[in-house]
PDB file of N, CA and C in Angstrom:
ATOM      1  N   MET A   1       0.613  -0.983   0.303  1.00  0.00           N
ATOM      2  CA  MET A   1       0.076   0.033  -0.026  1.00  0.00           C
ATOM      3  C   MET A   1       0.992   1.074   0.037  1.00  0.00           C
ATOM      4  N   THR A   2       0.864   2.263  -0.967  1.00  0.00           N
ATOM      5  CA  THR A   2       1.326   3.295  -1.073  1.00  0.00           C
ATOM      6  C   THR A   2       0.738   4.568  -0.649  1.00  0.00           C
ATOM      7  N   PRO A   3       1.726   5.098   0.587  1.00  0.00           N
ATOM      8  CA  PRO A   3       0.771   6.517   1.318  1.00  0.00           C
ATOM      9  C   PRO A   3       0.791   7.149   0.260  1.00  0.00           C
ATOM     10  N   THR A   4      -0.438   8.291   0.359  1.00  0.00           N
ATOM     11  CA  THR A   4      -0.885   9.184  -0.726  1.00  0.00           C
ATOM     12  C   THR A   4      -0.001  10.519  -0.192  1.00  0.00           C
ATOM     13  N   ASN A   5       0.227  10.754   1.245  1.00  0.00           N
ATOM     14  CA  ASN A   5       0.789  11.608   1.909  1.00  0.00           C
ATOM     15  C   ASN A   5       2.408  11.307   2.342  1.00  0.00           C
ATOM     16  N   PRO A   6       3.067  11.917   2.229  1.00  0.00           N
ATOM     17  CA  PRO A   6       4.679  10.903   2.979  1.00  0.00           C
ATOM     18  C   PRO A   6       4.591  11.090   4.236  1.00  0.00           C
ATOM     19  N   ASP A   7       3.376  11.855   4.870  1.00  0.00           N
ATOM     20  CA  ASP A   7       3.349  11.830   6.284  1.00  0.00           C
ATOM     21  C   ASP A   7       2.314  10.889   6.871  1.00  0.00           C
ATOM     22  N   ASP A   8       1.739  10.161   5.820  1.00  0.00           N
ATOM     23  CA  ASP A   8       0.874   9.075   6.061  1.00  0.00           C
ATOM     24  C   ASP A   8       1.298   7.631   5.983  1.00  0.00           C
ATOM     25  N   HIS A   9       1.243   6.683   6.865  1.00  0.00           N
ATOM     26  CA  HIS A   9       1.758   5.498   7.068  1.00  0.00           C
ATOM     27  C   HIS A   9       0.680   4.606   7.504  1.00  0.00           C
ATOM     28  N   HIS A  10       0.737   3.536   6.633  1.00  0.00           N
ATOM     29  CA  HIS A  10      -0.071   2.252   6.590  1.00  0.00           C
ATOM     30  C   HIS A  10       0.259   1.030   7.619  1.00  0.00           C
ATOM     31  N   CYS A  11      -0.664   0.571   8.351  1.00  0.00           N
ATOM     32  CA  CYS A  11      -0.198  -0.496   9.309  1.00  0.00           C
ATOM     33  C   CYS A  11      -0.063  -1.643   8.161  1.00  0.00           C
ATOM     34  N   SER A  12       1.390  -2.320   8.228  1.00  0.00           N
ATOM     35  CA  SER A  12       1.890  -3.090   7.159  1.00  0.00           C
ATOM     36  C   SER A  12       1.082  -4.436   7.725  1.00  0.00           C
ATOM     37  N   PHE A  13       0.152  -4.758   8.635  1.00  0.00           N
ATOM     38  CA  PHE A  13      -0.383  -5.600   8.769  1.00  0.00           C
ATOM     39  C   PHE A  13      -2.017  -5.776   8.157  1.00  0.00           C
ATOM     40  N   CYS A  14      -2.652  -4.458   8.463  1.00  0.00           N
ATOM     41  CA  CYS A  14      -3.868  -4.485   8.217  1.00  0.00           C
ATOM     42  C   CYS A  14      -4.395  -3.283   7.217  1.00  0.00           C
ATOM     43  N   GLY A  15      -3.322  -2.615   6.901  1.00  0.00           N
ATOM     44  CA  GLY A  15      -3.300  -1.284   6.330  1.00  0.00           C
ATOM     45  C   GLY A  15      -4.132  -0.180   6.679  1.00  0.00           C
ATOM     46  N   THR A  16      -4.425  -0.078   8.026  1.00  0.00           N
ATOM     47  CA  THR A  16      -5.035   1.137   8.587  1.00  0.00           C
ATOM     48  C   THR A  16      -4.242   2.139   8.523  1.00  0.00           C
ATOM     49  N   LEU A  17      -4.743   3.411   8.220  1.00  0.00           N
ATOM     50  CA  LEU A  17      -3.760   4.744   8.207  1.00  0.00           C
ATOM     51  C   LEU A  17      -3.619   5.028   9.481  1.00  0.00           C
ATOM     52  N   GLY A  18      -2.379   5.125  10.127  1.00  0.00           N
ATOM     53  CA  GLY A  18      -2.090   5.851  11.543  1.00  0.00           C
ATOM     54  C   GLY A  18      -1.364   7.172  11.527  1.00  0.00           C
ATOM     55  N   THR A  19      -1.427   7.773  12.705  1.00  0.00           N
ATOM     56  CA  THR A  19      -0.853   8.937  12.944  1.00  0.00           C
ATOM     57  C   THR A  19       0.363   8.610  13.682  1.00  0.00           C
ATOM     58  N   GLU A  20       1.298   9.375  13.975  1.00  0.00           N
ATOM     59  CA  GLU A  20       2.517   8.988  15.291  1.00  0.00           C
ATOM     60  C   GLU A  20       2.077   8.404  16.354  1.00  0.00           C
ATOM     61  N   ALA A  21       0.877   8.686  16.632  1.00  0.00           N
ATOM     62  CA  ALA A  21       0.462   8.212  18.029  1.00  0.00           C
ATOM     63  C   ALA A  21       0.073   6.934  18.200  1.00  0.00           C
ATOM     64  N   GLU A  22      -0.419   6.765  16.763  1.00  0.00           N
ATOM     65  CA  GLU A  22      -1.145   5.299  16.479  1.00  0.00           C
ATOM     66  C   GLU A  22      -0.191   4.544  16.044  1.00  0.00           C
ATOM     67  N   ARG A  23       0.824   4.478  15.645  1.00  0.00           N
ATOM     68  CA  ARG A  23       1.690   3.470  15.208  1.00  0.00           C
ATOM     69  C   ARG A  23       3.068   3.382  15.647  1.00  0.00           C
ATOM     70  N   PHE A  24       3.571   1.869  15.213  1.00  0.00           N
ATOM     71  CA  PHE A  24       4.825   1.581  15.702  1.00  0.00           C
ATOM     72  C   PHE A  24       5.907   1.707  14.738  1.00  0.00           C
ATOM     73  N   ILE A  25       6.836   1.802  14.329  1.00  0.00           N
ATOM     74  CA  ILE A  25       7.603   1.881  13.175  1.00  0.00           C
ATOM     75  C   ILE A  25       8.597   0.734  13.696  1.00  0.00           C
ATOM     76  N   ALA A  26       8.653  -0.271  12.787  1.00  0.00           N
ATOM     77  CA  ALA A  26       9.264  -1.629  13.507  1.00  0.00           C
ATOM     78  C   ALA A  26      10.559  -1.687  12.238  1.00  0.00           C
ATOM     79  N   GLY A  27      10.835  -0.727  11.416  1.00  0.00           N
ATOM     80  CA  GLY A  27      11.588  -0.724  10.532  1.00  0.00           C
ATOM     81  C   GLY A  27      11.864   0.052   9.361  1.00  0.00           C
ATOM     82  N   PRO A  28      12.632  -0.025   8.460  1.00  0.00           N
ATOM     83  CA  PRO A  28      12.499   0.922   7.169  1.00  0.00           C
ATOM     84  C   PRO A  28      11.148   0.367   6.465  1.00  0.00           C
ATOM     85  N   GLY A  29      10.265   1.533   6.288  1.00  0.00           N
ATOM     86  CA  GLY A  29       9.019   1.322   5.452  1.00  0.00           C
ATOM     87  C   GLY A  29       7.709  -0.008   6.005  1.00  0.00           C
ATOM     88  N   VAL A  30       8.010  -0.252   7.353  1.00  0.00           N
ATOM     89  CA  VAL A  30       7.473  -1.095   8.198  1.00  0.00           C
ATOM     90  C   VAL A  30       6.756  -0.236   9.310  1.00  0.00           C
ATOM     91  N   TYR A  31       5.419  -0.357   9.184  1.00  0.00           N
ATOM     92  CA  TYR A  31       4.614   0.277  10.100  1.00  0.00           C
ATOM     93  C   TYR A  31       3.348  -0.577  11.088  1.00  0.00           C
ATOM     94  N   ILE A  32       3.390  -0.559  12.361  1.00  0.00           N
ATOM     95  CA  ILE A  32       2.345  -1.735  12.745  1.00  0.00           C
ATOM     96  C   ILE A  32       1.577  -0.547  13.519  1.00  0.00           C
ATOM     97  N   CYS A  33       0.129  -0.723  13.498  1.00  0.00           N
ATOM     98  CA  CYS A  33      -0.560  -0.188  14.314  1.00  0.00           C
ATOM     99  C   CYS A  33      -0.812  -0.419  15.721  1.00  0.00           C
ATOM    100  N   ASN A  34      -1.295   0.058  16.689  1.00  0.00           N
ATOM    101  CA  ASN A  34      -1.492  -0.370  18.038  1.00  0.00           C
ATOM    102  C   ASN A  34      -2.299  -1.653  17.819  1.00  0.00           C
ATOM    103  N   GLY A  35      -3.421  -1.777  17.551  1.00  0.00           N
ATOM    104  CA  GLY A  35      -4.099  -3.067  17.459  1.00  0.00           C
ATOM    105  C   GLY A  35      -3.138  -4.377  17.237  1.00  0.00           C
ATOM    106  N   CYS A  36      -2.706  -4.249  15.688  1.00  0.00           N
ATOM    107  CA  CYS A  36      -1.821  -5.364  15.163  1.00  0.00           C
ATOM    108  C   CYS A  36      -0.325  -5.538  16.298  1.00  0.00           C
ATOM    109  N   VAL A  37       0.024  -4.278  17.068  1.00  0.00           N
ATOM    110  CA  VAL A  37       0.927  -4.611  17.869  1.00  0.00           C
ATOM    111  C   VAL A  37       0.901  -5.552  19.074  1.00  0.00           C
ATOM    112  N   GLU A  38      -0.483  -5.301  19.504  1.00  0.00           N
ATOM    113  CA  GLU A  38      -1.106  -6.284  20.685  1.00  0.00           C
ATOM    114  C   GLU A  38      -1.119  -7.675  20.080  1.00  0.00           C
ATOM    115  N   VAL A  39      -1.975  -7.875  18.816  1.00  0.00           N
ATOM    116  CA  VAL A  39      -1.875  -9.128  18.261  1.00  0.00           C
ATOM    117  C   VAL A  39      -0.382  -9.748  18.144  1.00  0.00           C
ATOM    118  N   CYS A  40       0.313  -9.236  17.716  1.00  0.00           N
ATOM    119  CA  CYS A  40       1.940  -9.443  17.612  1.00  0.00           C
ATOM    120  C   CYS A  40       2.335 -10.300  18.961  1.00  0.00           C
ATOM    121  N   VAL A  41       2.060  -9.500  20.436  1.00  0.00           N
ATOM    122  CA  VAL A  41       2.320  -9.484  21.379  1.00  0.00           C
ATOM    123  C   VAL A  41       1.586 -10.606  21.800  1.00  0.00           C
ATOM    124  N   ASP A  42       0.249 -10.878  21.456  1.00  0.00           N
ATOM    125  CA  ASP A  42      -0.515 -12.115  21.820  1.00  0.00           C
ATOM    126  C   ASP A  42       0.160 -13.577  21.142  1.00  0.00           C
ATOM    127  N   ILE A  43       0.423 -13.576  19.722  1.00  0.00           N
ATOM    128  CA  ILE A  43       0.948 -14.269  19.079  1.00  0.00           C
ATOM    129  C   ILE A  43       2.607 -14.909  19.647  1.00  0.00           C
ATOM    130  N   LEU A  44       3.162 -14.025  20.018  1.00  0.00           N
ATOM    131  CA  LEU A  44       4.680 -14.232  20.860  1.00  0.00           C
ATOM    132  C   LEU A  44       4.119 -15.077  22.277  1.00  0.00           C
ATOM    133  N   ALA A  45       2.997 -14.605  22.937  1.00  0.00           N
ATOM    134  CA  ALA A  45       2.485 -15.294  23.838  1.00  0.00           C
ATOM    135  C   ALA A  45       1.955 -16.522  23.921  1.00  0.00           C
ATOM    136  N   GLY A  46       1.827 -16.930  22.494  1.00  0.00           N
ATOM    137  CA  GLY A  46       0.689 -18.067  22.339  1.00  0.00           C
ATOM    138  C   GLY A  46      -0.580 -17.998  22.746  1.00  0.00           C
ATOM    139  N   LYS A  47      -1.254 -16.880  22.629  1.00  0.00           N
ATOM    140  CA  LYS A  47      -2.508 -16.779  22.659  1.00  0.00           C
ATOM    141  C   LYS A  47      -3.155 -16.782  21.547  1.00  0.00           C
ATOM    142  N   PRO A  48      -4.572 -17.185  21.631  1.00  0.00           N
ATOM    143  CA  PRO A  48      -5.315 -17.056  20.328  1.00  0.00           C
ATOM    144  C   PRO A  48      -5.275 -15.542  19.823  1.00  0.00           C
ATOM    145  N   THR A  49      -5.494 -15.498  18.400  1.00  0.00           N
ATOM    146  CA  THR A  49      -5.639 -14.355  18.097  1.00  0.00           C
ATOM    147  C   THR A  49      -6.539 -14.135  16.968  1.00  0.00           C
ATOM    148  N   PRO A  50      -7.179 -12.803  16.922  1.00  0.00           N
ATOM    149  CA  PRO A  50      -8.350 -12.654  15.998  1.00  0.00           C
ATOM    150  C   PRO A  50      -7.578 -12.337  14.476  1.00  0.00           C
ATOM    151  N   SER A  51      -8.410 -12.879  13.745  1.00  0.00           N
ATOM    152  CA  SER A  51      -8.289 -13.039  12.250  1.00  0.00           C
ATOM    153  C   SER A  51      -8.058 -11.330  11.530  1.00  0.00           C
ATOM    154  N   PHE A  52      -7.146 -11.260  10.541  1.00  0.00           N
ATOM    155  CA  PHE A  52      -7.098 -10.104   9.963  1.00  0.00           C
ATOM    156  C   PHE A  52      -8.103  -9.760   9.116  1.00  0.00           C
ATOM    157  N   PRO A  53      -8.665  -8.921   8.760  1.00  0.00           N
ATOM    158  CA  PRO A  53      -9.154  -8.334   7.829  1.00  0.00           C
ATOM    159  C   PRO A  53      -9.155  -9.084   6.266  1.00  0.00           C
ATOM    160  N   PRO A  54     -10.393  -9.164   5.432  1.00  0.00           N
ATOM    161  CA  PRO A  54      -9.758 -10.324   4.384  1.00  0.00           C
ATOM    162  C   PRO A  54      -9.318  -9.534   3.428  1.00  0.00           C
ATOM    163  N   LEU A  55      -8.172 -10.426   2.525  1.00  0.00           N
ATOM    164  CA  LEU A  55      -7.262  -9.789   1.869  1.00  0.00           C
ATOM    165  C   LEU A  55      -7.685 -10.012   0.133  1.00  0.00           C
ATOM    166  N   ASP A  56      -8.597 -10.482   0.025  1.00  0.00           N
ATOM    167  CA  ASP A  56      -9.248 -10.675  -1.382  1.00  0.00           C
ATOM    168  C   ASP A  56      -8.936  -9.383  -2.191  1.00  0.00           C
ATOM    169  N   ASP A  57      -9.006  -8.494  -2.045  1.00  0.00           N
ATOM    170  CA  ASP A  57      -8.756  -7.382  -2.803  1.00  0.00           C
ATOM    171  C   ASP A  57      -7.347  -6.907  -3.028  1.00  0.00           C
ATOM    172  N   LYS A  58      -6.425  -7.319  -2.327  1.00  0.00           N
ATOM    173  CA  LYS A  58      -4.979  -7.218  -2.803  1.00  0.00           C
ATOM    174  C   LYS A  58      -4.512  -8.380  -3.905  1.00  0.00           C
ATOM    175  N   SER A  59      -3.160  -7.603  -4.453  1.00  0.00           N
ATOM    176  CA  SER A  59      -2.910  -8.339  -5.648  1.00  0.00           C
ATOM    177  C   SER A  59      -1.789  -9.584  -5.201  1.00  0.00           C
ATOM    178  N   ASP A  60      -1.251 -10.571  -5.773  1.00  0.00           N
ATOM    179  CA  ASP A  60      -0.309 -11.589  -5.626  1.00  0.00           C
ATOM    180  C   ASP A  60       0.820 -10.834  -4.908  1.00  0.00           C
ATOM    181  N   ASP A  61       1.222  -9.681  -5.808  1.00  0.00           N
ATOM    182  CA  ASP A  61       2.428  -8.950  -5.313  1.00  0.00           C
ATOM    183  C   ASP A  61       2.345  -8.356  -4.499  1.00  0.00           C
ATOM    184  N   ASP A  62       1.279  -7.339  -4.004  1.00  0.00           N
ATOM    185  CA  ASP A  62       0.696  -7.016  -2.975  1.00  0.00           C
ATOM    186  C   ASP A  62       1.200  -7.988  -1.453  1.00  0.00           C
ATOM    187  N   LEU A  63       0.534  -9.224  -1.977  1.00  0.00           N
ATOM    188  CA  LEU A  63       0.430 -10.211  -0.771  1.00  0.00           C
ATOM    189  C   LEU A  63       1.712 -10.486  -0.271  1.00  0.00           C
ATOM    190  N   LEU A  64       2.661 -10.905  -1.386  1.00  0.00           N
ATOM    191  CA  LEU A  64       4.109 -11.307  -1.237  1.00  0.00           C
ATOM    192  C   LEU A  64       4.907  -9.917  -0.304  1.00  0.00           C
ATOM    193  N   ARG A  65       4.716  -8.802  -1.271  1.00  0.00           N
ATOM    194  CA  ARG A  65       5.356  -7.972  -0.375  1.00  0.00           C
ATOM    195  C   ARG A  65       4.755  -7.376   0.777  1.00  0.00           C
ATOM    196  N   ASP A  66       3.608  -7.574   1.354  1.00  0.00           N
ATOM    197  CA  ASP A  66       3.017  -7.583   2.696  1.00  0.00           C
ATOM    198  C   ASP A  66       3.913  -8.722   3.726  1.00  0.00           C
ATOM    199  N   MET A  67       3.791 -10.083   2.811  1.00  0.00           N
ATOM    200  CA  MET A  67       4.513 -11.058   3.584  1.00  0.00           C
ATOM    201  C   MET A  67       5.788 -10.758   4.179  1.00  0.00           C
ATOM    202  N   ALA A  68       6.868 -10.201   3.383  1.00  0.00           N
ATOM    203  CA  ALA A  68       8.354 -10.123   3.674  1.00  0.00           C
ATOM    204  C   ALA A  68       7.834  -9.157   4.680  1.00  0.00           C
ATOM    205  N   GLN A  69       7.282  -7.735   4.481  1.00  0.00           N
ATOM    206  CA  GLN A  69       7.227  -7.009   5.552  1.00  0.00           C
ATOM    207  C   GLN A  69       6.827  -7.552   7.138  1.00  0.00           C
ATOM    208  N   ILE A  70       5.822  -8.367   7.073  1.00  0.00           N
ATOM    209  CA  ILE A  70       5.233  -8.972   8.503  1.00  0.00           C
ATOM    210  C   ILE A  70       6.204  -9.920   8.673  1.00  0.00           C
ATOM    211  N   ALA A  71       7.135 -10.613   8.285  1.00  0.00           N
ATOM    212  CA  ALA A  71       8.147 -11.626   8.395  1.00  0.00           C
ATOM    213  C   ALA A  71       9.236 -10.874   9.115  1.00  0.00           C
ATOM    214  N   ALA A  72       9.688  -9.579   8.502  1.00  0.00           N
ATOM    215  CA  ALA A  72      10.595  -8.681   8.986  1.00  0.00           C
ATOM    216  C   ALA A  72      10.044  -7.858  10.533  1.00  0.00           C
ATOM    217  N   SER A  73       8.915  -7.635  10.542  1.00  0.00           N
ATOM    218  CA  SER A  73       8.115  -7.338  11.565  1.00  0.00           C
ATOM    219  C   SER A  73       8.315  -8.014  12.804  1.00  0.00           C
ATOM    220  N   ARG A  74       7.936  -9.471  12.584  1.00  0.00           N
ATOM    221  CA  ARG A  74       7.759 -10.465  13.272  1.00  0.00           C
ATOM    222  C   ARG A  74       9.068 -10.806  13.773  1.00  0.00           C
ATOM    223  N   ASP A  75      10.056 -10.888  13.318  1.00  0.00           N
ATOM    224  CA  ASP A  75      11.784 -10.870  13.599  1.00  0.00           C
ATOM    225  C   ASP A  75      12.099 -10.002  14.527  1.00  0.00           C
ATOM    226  N   GLN A  76      11.207  -8.560  14.286  1.00  0.00           N
ATOM    227  CA  GLN A  76      12.071  -7.367  15.067  1.00  0.00           C
ATOM    228  C   GLN A  76      11.171  -7.759  16.411  1.00  0.00           C
ATOM    229  N   VAL A  77       9.828  -7.712  16.298  1.00  0.00           N
ATOM    230  CA  VAL A  77       9.210  -7.963  17.930  1.00  0.00           C
ATOM    231  C   VAL A  77       9.943  -8.947  18.386  1.00  0.00           C
ATOM    232  N   GLU A  78      10.087 -10.243  17.902  1.00  0.00           N
ATOM    233  CA  GLU A  78      10.590 -11.459  18.783  1.00  0.00           C
ATOM    234  C   GLU A  78      12.015 -10.802  19.527  1.00  0.00           C
ATOM    235  N   GLU A  79      12.793 -10.029  18.782  1.00  0.00           N
ATOM    236  CA  GLU A  79      14.221  -9.633  19.120  1.00  0.00           C
ATOM    237  C   GLU A  79      14.020  -8.916  20.276  1.00  0.00           C
ATOM    238  N   ALA A  80      12.986  -7.798  20.251  1.00  0.00           N
ATOM    239  CA  ALA A  80      12.734  -6.810  21.166  1.00  0.00           C
ATOM    240  C   ALA A  80      12.192  -7.692  22.582  1.00  0.00           C
ATOM    241  N   VAL A  81      11.181  -8.912  22.388  1.00  0.00           N
ATOM    242  CA  VAL A  81      10.694  -9.649  23.451  1.00  0.00           C
ATOM    243  C   VAL A  81      11.794 -10.387  24.065  1.00  0.00           C
ATOM    244  N   VAL A  82      12.952 -10.916  23.304  1.00  0.00           N
ATOM    245  CA  VAL A  82      14.069 -11.830  24.054  1.00  0.00           C
ATOM    246  C   VAL A  82      14.937 -10.823  24.814  1.00  0.00           C
ATOM    247  N   ASP A  83      15.293  -9.774  23.870  1.00  0.00           N
ATOM    248  CA  ASP A  83      15.991  -8.671  24.765  1.00  0.00           C
ATOM    249  C   ASP A  83      15.366  -8.029  25.987  1.00  0.00           C
ATOM    250  N   ARG A  84      14.247  -7.992  26.183  1.00  0.00           N
ATOM    251  CA  ARG A  84      13.500  -7.670  27.458  1.00  0.00           C
ATOM    252  C   ARG A  84      13.456  -8.757  28.427  1.00  0.00           C
ATOM    253  N   ALA A  85      13.138  -9.753  28.210  1.00  0.00           N
ATOM    254  CA  ALA A  85      13.257 -11.020  28.936  1.00  0.00           C
ATOM    255  C   ALA A  85      14.843 -11.232  29.319  1.00  0.00           C
ATOM    256  N   GLN A  86      15.906 -11.066  28.691  1.00  0.00           N
ATOM    257  CA  GLN A  86      17.305 -11.125  29.190  1.00  0.00           C
ATOM    258  C   GLN A  86      17.385  -9.812  30.100  1.00  0.00           C
ATOM    259  N   ARG A  87      17.123  -8.878  29.796  1.00  0.00           N
ATOM    260  CA  ARG A  87      17.286  -7.500  30.492  1.00  0.00           C
ATOM    261  C   ARG A  87      16.615  -7.846  32.104  1.00  0.00           C
ATOM    262  N   LEU A  88      15.578  -8.183  32.131  1.00  0.00           N
ATOM    263  CA  LEU A  88      14.816  -8.488  33.089  1.00  0.00           C
ATOM    264  C   LEU A  88      15.607  -9.470  34.278  1.00  0.00           C
ATOM    265  N   ARG A  89      15.848 -10.762  33.444  1.00  0.00           N
ATOM    266  CA  ARG A  89      16.650 -11.593  34.265  1.00  0.00           C
ATOM    267  C   ARG A  89      18.200 -10.891  34.920  1.00  0.00           C
ATOM    268  N   ALA A  90      18.942 -10.077  33.789  1.00  0.00           N
ATOM    269  CA  ALA A  90      19.621  -9.806  34.595  1.00  0.00           C
ATOM    270  C   ALA A  90      19.770  -8.719  35.629  1.00  0.00           C
ATOM    271  N   ARG A  91      18.543  -8.204  35.447  1.00  0.00           N
ATOM    272  CA  ARG A  91      17.988  -7.356  37.020  1.00  0.00           C
ATOM    273  C   ARG A  91      18.031  -8.368  38.119  1.00  0.00           C
ATOM    274  N   GLY A  92      17.708  -9.580  38.064  1.00  0.00           N
ATOM    275  CA  GLY A  92      17.236 -10.685  39.287  1.00  0.00           C
ATOM    276  C   GLY A  92      15.786 -10.713  38.922  1.00  0.00           C
ATOM    277  N   VAL A  93      15.240 -10.527  37.767  1.00  0.00           N
ATOM    278  CA  VAL A  93      13.558 -10.913  37.668  1.00  0.00           C
ATOM    279  C   VAL A  93      13.422 -12.179  37.560  1.00  0.00           C
ATOM    280  N   THR A  94      12.665 -12.890  38.261  1.00  0.00           N
ATOM    281  CA  THR A  94      12.547 -14.517  38.001  1.00  0.00           C
ATOM    282  C   THR A  94      12.028 -14.639  36.901  1.00  0.00           C
ATOM    283  N   TRP A  95      12.140 -16.210  36.348  1.00  0.00           N
ATOM    284  CA  TRP A  95      11.447 -16.650  35.437  1.00  0.00           C
ATOM    285  C   TRP A  95      10.285 -16.804  35.503  1.00  0.00           C
ATOM    286  N   ALA A  96       9.561 -17.025  36.618  1.00  0.00           N
ATOM    287  CA  ALA A  96       8.191 -17.082  36.804  1.00  0.00           C
ATOM    288  C   ALA A  96       7.515 -16.079  36.654  1.00  0.00           C
ATOM    289  N   ARG A  97       8.169 -14.836  36.858  1.00  0.00           N
ATOM    290  CA  ARG A  97       7.507 -13.499  36.988  1.00  0.00           C
ATOM    291  C   ARG A  97       7.458 -13.132  35.133  1.00  0.00           C
ATOM    292  N   ILE A  98       8.434 -13.295  34.399  1.00  0.00           N
ATOM    293  CA  ILE A  98       8.694 -13.137  32.977  1.00  0.00           C
ATOM    294  C   ILE A  98       7.776 -13.848  32.669  1.00  0.00           C
ATOM    295  N   GLY A  99       7.249 -15.284  32.632  1.00  0.00           N
ATOM    296  CA  GLY A  99       6.566 -15.898  32.446  1.00  0.00           C
ATOM    297  C   GLY A  99       5.142 -15.632  32.463  1.00  0.00           C
ATOM    298  N   GLU A 100       5.051 -14.799  33.509  1.00  0.00           N
ATOM    299  CA  GLU A 100       3.455 -14.434  34.311  1.00  0.00           C
ATOM    300  C   GLU A 100       3.232 -13.151  33.028  1.00  0.00           C
ATOM    301  N   GLY A 101       4.113 -12.290  32.994  1.00  0.00           N
ATOM    302  CA  GLY A 101       4.229 -11.147  32.058  1.00  0.00           C
ATOM    303  C   GLY A 101       3.809 -11.635  30.645  1.00  0.00           C
ATOM    304  N   LEU A 102       4.224 -12.471  30.062  1.00  0.00           N
ATOM    305  CA  LEU A 102       3.943 -13.259  28.977  1.00  0.00           C
ATOM    306  C   LEU A 102       2.929 -14.077  28.780  1.00  0.00           C
ATOM    307  N   GLY A 103       2.285 -14.219  29.786  1.00  0.00           N
ATOM    308  CA  GLY A 103       1.198 -15.254  29.740  1.00  0.00           C
ATOM    309  C   GLY A 103       1.609 -16.556  29.384  1.00  0.00           C
ATOM    310  N   MET A 104       2.478 -17.031  30.268  1.00  0.00           N
ATOM    311  CA  MET A 104       3.312 -18.464  29.809  1.00  0.00           C
ATOM    312  C   MET A 104       3.820 -18.840  31.309  1.00  0.00           C
ATOM    313  N   THR A 105       4.027 -20.416  31.201  1.00  0.00           N
ATOM    314  CA  THR A 105       4.842 -20.883  32.491  1.00  0.00           C
ATOM    315  C   THR A 105       6.062 -20.245  32.643  1.00  0.00           C
ATOM    316  N   ARG A 106       6.589 -20.402  33.961  1.00  0.00           N
ATOM    317  CA  ARG A 106       7.909 -20.300  34.245  1.00  0.00           C
ATOM    318  C   ARG A 106       9.096 -21.077  33.170  1.00  0.00           C
ATOM    319  N   GLN A 107       8.596 -22.394  33.137  1.00  0.00           N
ATOM    320  CA  GLN A 107       9.381 -23.498  32.377  1.00  0.00           C
ATOM    321  C   GLN A 107       9.255 -23.135  31.064  1.00  0.00           C
ATOM    322  N   SER A 108       7.958 -22.487  30.372  1.00  0.00           N
ATOM    323  CA  SER A 108       8.268 -21.949  29.240  1.00  0.00           C
ATOM    324  C   SER A 108       8.964 -20.968  28.826  1.00  0.00           C
ATOM    325  N   ALA A 109       8.916 -20.011  29.680  1.00  0.00           N
ATOM    326  CA  ALA A 109       9.918 -18.485  29.519  1.00  0.00           C
ATOM    327  C   ALA A 109      11.122 -19.099  29.715  1.00  0.00           C
ATOM    328  N   TRP A 110      11.623 -20.133  30.761  1.00  0.00           N
ATOM    329  CA  TRP A 110      13.051 -20.435  30.533  1.00  0.00           C
ATOM    330  C   TRP A 110      13.500 -20.719  29.310  1.00  0.00           C
ATOM    331  N   GLU A 111      12.730 -21.682  28.734  1.00  0.00           N
ATOM    332  CA  GLU A 111      13.029 -22.493  27.812  1.00  0.00           C
ATOM    333  C   GLU A 111      12.912 -21.669  26.457  1.00  0.00           C
ATOM    334  N   ARG A 112      12.308 -20.620  26.391  1.00  0.00           N
ATOM    335  CA  ARG A 112      12.072 -20.089  25.141  1.00  0.00           C
ATOM    336  C   ARG A 112      13.582 -19.031  25.226  1.00  0.00           C
ATOM    337  N   PHE A 113      13.459 -18.435  26.873  1.00  0.00           N
ATOM    338  CA  PHE A 113      14.500 -17.144  26.563  1.00  0.00           C
ATOM    339  C   PHE A 113      16.064 -17.345  27.299  1.00  0.00           C
ATOM    340  N   SER A 114      16.072 -18.140  28.002  1.00  0.00           N
ATOM    341  CA  SER A 114      17.475 -18.634  28.759  1.00  0.00           C
ATOM    342  C   SER A 114      18.615 -18.865  27.589  1.00  0.00           C
ATOM    343  N   THR A 115      19.787 -18.063  28.237  1.00  0.00           N
ATOM    344  CA  THR A 115      20.912 -18.350  27.150  1.00  0.00           C
ATOM    345  C   THR A 115      22.277 -18.713  28.174  1.00  0.00           C
ATOM    346  N   ASP A 116      21.666 -18.778  29.661  1.00  0.00           N
ATOM    347  CA  ASP A 116      22.692 -19.459  30.242  1.00  0.00           C
ATOM    348  C   ASP A 116      22.312 -20.793  31.044  1.00  0.00           C
ATOM    349  N   LEU A 117      20.826 -21.003  30.836  1.00  0.00           N
ATOM    350  CA  LEU A 117      20.495 -22.070  31.440  1.00  0.00           C
ATOM    351  C   LEU A 117      20.819 -21.879  32.850  1.00  0.00           C
ATOM    352  N   ASP A 118      20.160 -20.943  33.227  1.00  0.00           N
ATOM    353  CA  ASP A 118      20.404 -21.142  34.869  1.00  0.00           C
ATOM    354  C   ASP A 118      19.268 -21.695  35.501  1.00  0.00           C
TER     355      ASP A 118
END
């Protein structure tokens, strides 16, 4: 989706036009609205997520471009979550508390984010 105004940015997931206050810039040309950021967090936490609006009106090229942007966004969100988990552990926050913050068990958080296998 190409913005008509250079200051306008559409969510790379759902296509919603967002303002500065309503979007998360996930990388060059990748924008995620607040609603989709919440969906990304739910996906990373393994929660059931709502489906996105129908994409029947998009061309194959648009869908392929969207798919690449979504994959890049997913990787950036995952890196951010891993970074936060590791910073919290370095501050002495327990795996149980980190897991609780992500809606997962202590064991799942440890398995997913532990680098030192403590």
